[in-house]
């Protein structure tokens, strides 16, 4: 659960940053993104620039137990990509798998 929560928050932060940076960003996107950043800062005290450091701190802080941060992440994704959110794009469950890629535009070469 913790890893899925970390990935959800990391994805939402990236999507929110990209969407909020556009001139066409709505107030709802900006508000949701600001809310998520505030929640992360409340949880871990800061917002590291390094993604690996941020992921490690989110995992250490048990972000999966913080319902407010998780809902803020979902709100960012709903606002930044409403069609993807409705289609279930950000709800992925993977168990007992190897070599799995989640996301858009990935490439994988497998050799057996």
C-alpha atoms as a PDB file:
ATOM      1  CA  UNK A   1       0.000   0.000   0.000  1.00  0.00           C
ATOM      2  CA  UNK A   2       2.777   2.460   0.866  1.00  0.00           C
ATOM      3  CA  UNK A   3       4.486   2.111  -2.506  1.00  0.00           C
ATOM      4  CA  UNK A   4       1.215   2.601  -4.390  1.00  0.00           C
ATOM      5  CA  UNK A   5       0.516   5.698  -2.299  1.00  0.00           C
ATOM      6  CA  UNK A   6       3.990   7.080  -2.962  1.00  0.00           C
ATOM      7  CA  UNK A   7       3.538   6.547  -6.694  1.00  0.00           C
ATOM      8  CA  UNK A   8       0.114   8.202  -6.591  1.00  0.00           C
ATOM      9  CA  UNK A   9       1.487  11.292  -4.852  1.00  0.00           C
ATOM     10  CA  UNK A  10       4.571  11.445  -7.092  1.00  0.00           C
ATOM     11  CA  UNK A  11       2.410  11.151 -10.223  1.00  0.00           C
ATOM     12  CA  UNK A  12       0.039  13.829  -8.972  1.00  0.00           C
ATOM     13  CA  UNK A  13       2.907  16.192  -8.144  1.00  0.00           C
ATOM     14  CA  UNK A  14       4.356  15.765 -11.631  1.00  0.00           C
ATOM     15  CA  UNK A  15       0.976  16.156 -13.329  1.00  0.00           C
ATOM     16  CA  UNK A  16       0.116  19.158 -11.199  1.00  0.00           C
ATOM     17  CA  UNK A  17       3.423  20.882 -11.914  1.00  0.00           C
ATOM     18  CA  UNK A  18       3.037  20.322 -15.644  1.00  0.00           C
ATOM     19  CA  UNK A  19      -0.588  21.438 -15.731  1.00  0.00           C
ATOM     20  CA  UNK A  20      -0.120  24.458 -13.448  1.00  0.00           C
ATOM     21  CA  UNK A  21       2.780  25.715 -15.560  1.00  0.00           C
ATOM     22  CA  UNK A  22       0.567  26.084 -18.641  1.00  0.00           C
ATOM     23  CA  UNK A  23      -0.968  29.455 -19.419  1.00  0.00           C
ATOM     24  CA  UNK A  24      -4.302  27.691 -19.845  1.00  0.00           C
ATOM     25  CA  UNK A  25      -4.229  26.133 -16.357  1.00  0.00           C
ATOM     26  CA  UNK A  26      -7.512  26.551 -14.543  1.00  0.00           C
ATOM     27  CA  UNK A  27      -7.803  27.890 -11.027  1.00  0.00           C
ATOM     28  CA  UNK A  28      -9.040  24.454  -9.979  1.00  0.00           C
ATOM     29  CA  UNK A  29      -5.808  22.817 -11.185  1.00  0.00           C
ATOM     30  CA  UNK A  30      -3.673  25.410  -9.423  1.00  0.00           C
ATOM     31  CA  UNK A  31      -5.694  25.152  -6.214  1.00  0.00           C
ATOM     32  CA  UNK A  32      -5.553  21.334  -6.200  1.00  0.00           C
ATOM     33  CA  UNK A  33      -1.802  21.358  -6.875  1.00  0.00           C
ATOM     34  CA  UNK A  34      -1.158  23.928  -4.131  1.00  0.00           C
ATOM     35  CA  UNK A  35      -3.252  21.827  -1.749  1.00  0.00           C
ATOM     36  CA  UNK A  36      -1.200  18.727  -2.513  1.00  0.00           C
ATOM     37  CA  UNK A  37       2.092  20.557  -2.029  1.00  0.00           C
ATOM     38  CA  UNK A  38       0.835  21.905   1.304  1.00  0.00           C
ATOM     39  CA  UNK A  39      -0.187  18.418   2.408  1.00  0.00           C
ATOM     40  CA  UNK A  40       3.198  16.970   1.495  1.00  0.00           C
ATOM     41  CA  UNK A  41       4.975  19.775   3.355  1.00  0.00           C
ATOM     42  CA  UNK A  42       2.782  19.134   6.392  1.00  0.00           C
ATOM     43  CA  UNK A  43       3.606  15.446   6.264  1.00  0.00           C
ATOM     44  CA  UNK A  44       7.365  15.557   5.680  1.00  0.00           C
ATOM     45  CA  UNK A  45       8.233  19.184   6.449  1.00  0.00           C
ATOM     46  CA  UNK A  46       9.443  20.131   2.991  1.00  0.00           C
ATOM     47  CA  UNK A  47       9.194  19.348  -0.722  1.00  0.00           C
ATOM     48  CA  UNK A  48      12.558  17.976  -1.943  1.00  0.00           C
ATOM     49  CA  UNK A  49      13.534  18.632  -5.567  1.00  0.00           C
ATOM     50  CA  UNK A  50      15.088  15.180  -5.964  1.00  0.00           C
ATOM     51  CA  UNK A  51      12.357  12.646  -6.881  1.00  0.00           C
ATOM     52  CA  UNK A  52      14.150   9.702  -5.249  1.00  0.00           C
ATOM     53  CA  UNK A  53      14.590  11.635  -2.016  1.00  0.00           C
ATOM     54  CA  UNK A  54      10.957  12.737  -2.084  1.00  0.00           C
ATOM     55  CA  UNK A  55       9.746   9.175  -2.698  1.00  0.00           C
ATOM     56  CA  UNK A  56      11.876   7.849   0.153  1.00  0.00           C
ATOM     57  CA  UNK A  57      10.588  10.518   2.546  1.00  0.00           C
ATOM     58  CA  UNK A  58       6.970   9.893   1.536  1.00  0.00           C
ATOM     59  CA  UNK A  59       7.425   6.165   2.139  1.00  0.00           C
ATOM     60  CA  UNK A  60       9.142   6.759   5.488  1.00  0.00           C
ATOM     61  CA  UNK A  61       6.291   9.064   6.548  1.00  0.00           C
ATOM     62  CA  UNK A  62       3.703   6.387   5.621  1.00  0.00           C
ATOM     63  CA  UNK A  63       1.941   8.640   3.130  1.00  0.00           C
ATOM     64  CA  UNK A  64      -0.548   5.829   2.550  1.00  0.00           C
ATOM     65  CA  UNK A  65      -1.942   6.493   6.029  1.00  0.00           C
ATOM     66  CA  UNK A  66      -2.607  10.179   5.316  1.00  0.00           C
ATOM     67  CA  UNK A  67      -6.074  10.322   3.783  1.00  0.00           C
ATOM     68  CA  UNK A  68      -5.877  14.094   3.225  1.00  0.00           C
ATOM     69  CA  UNK A  69      -2.697  13.868   1.136  1.00  0.00           C
ATOM     70  CA  UNK A  70      -4.055  10.948  -0.885  1.00  0.00           C
ATOM     71  CA  UNK A  71      -7.300  12.793  -1.595  1.00  0.00           C
ATOM     72  CA  UNK A  72      -5.317  15.904  -2.566  1.00  0.00           C
ATOM     73  CA  UNK A  73      -3.314  13.777  -5.013  1.00  0.00           C
ATOM     74  CA  UNK A  74      -6.505  12.350  -6.503  1.00  0.00           C
ATOM     75  CA  UNK A  75      -7.939  15.876  -6.795  1.00  0.00           C
ATOM     76  CA  UNK A  76      -4.884  17.022  -8.756  1.00  0.00           C
ATOM     77  CA  UNK A  77      -5.228  14.096 -11.151  1.00  0.00           C
ATOM     78  CA  UNK A  78      -8.967  14.705 -11.575  1.00  0.00           C
ATOM     79  CA  UNK A  79      -8.342  18.365 -12.407  1.00  0.00           C
ATOM     80  CA  UNK A  80      -5.176  17.947 -14.481  1.00  0.00           C
ATOM     81  CA  UNK A  81      -6.431  14.965 -16.506  1.00  0.00           C
ATOM     82  CA  UNK A  82     -10.187  14.554 -16.053  1.00  0.00           C
ATOM     83  CA  UNK A  83     -10.553  12.089 -18.929  1.00  0.00           C
ATOM     84  CA  UNK A  84      -7.734   9.885 -17.667  1.00  0.00           C
ATOM     85  CA  UNK A  85      -9.072   9.982 -14.126  1.00  0.00           C
ATOM     86  CA  UNK A  86     -12.576   8.996 -15.288  1.00  0.00           C
ATOM     87  CA  UNK A  87     -11.143   6.171 -17.364  1.00  0.00           C
ATOM     88  CA  UNK A  88      -9.282   4.773 -14.351  1.00  0.00           C
ATOM     89  CA  UNK A  89      -5.842   5.627 -15.713  1.00  0.00           C
ATOM     90  CA  UNK A  90      -4.475   6.381 -12.239  1.00  0.00           C
ATOM     91  CA  UNK A  91      -5.923   3.328 -10.523  1.00  0.00           C
ATOM     92  CA  UNK A  92      -3.506   0.500 -11.238  1.00  0.00           C
ATOM     93  CA  UNK A  93      -3.033  -2.691  -9.253  1.00  0.00           C
ATOM     94  CA  UNK A  94      -0.060  -4.926  -9.977  1.00  0.00           C
ATOM     95  CA  UNK A  95       0.786  -7.991  -7.923  1.00  0.00           C
ATOM     96  CA  UNK A  96       3.417 -10.701  -8.249  1.00  0.00           C
ATOM     97  CA  UNK A  97       4.753  -9.297 -11.510  1.00  0.00           C
ATOM     98  CA  UNK A  98       8.164  -8.598 -12.991  1.00  0.00           C
ATOM     99  CA  UNK A  99       9.138  -6.238 -15.780  1.00  0.00           C
ATOM    100  CA  UNK A 100       5.996  -4.134 -15.482  1.00  0.00           C
ATOM    101  CA  UNK A 101       5.894  -0.545 -16.673  1.00  0.00           C
ATOM    102  CA  UNK A 102       3.145   1.825 -15.736  1.00  0.00           C
ATOM    103  CA  UNK A 103       2.659   5.114 -17.543  1.00  0.00           C
ATOM    104  CA  UNK A 104       2.506   6.635 -20.965  1.00  0.00           C
ATOM    105  CA  UNK A 105       5.102   6.284 -23.719  1.00  0.00           C
ATOM    106  CA  UNK A 106       7.165   3.516 -22.132  1.00  0.00           C
ATOM    107  CA  UNK A 107       9.431   1.204 -24.078  1.00  0.00           C
ATOM    108  CA  UNK A 108      10.563  -2.253 -23.003  1.00  0.00           C
ATOM    109  CA  UNK A 109      12.851  -4.768 -24.671  1.00  0.00           C
ATOM    110  CA  UNK A 110      12.553  -8.324 -23.397  1.00  0.00           C
ATOM    111  CA  UNK A 111      14.972 -11.099 -24.205  1.00  0.00           C
ATOM    112  CA  UNK A 112      14.172 -14.689 -23.329  1.00  0.00           C
END
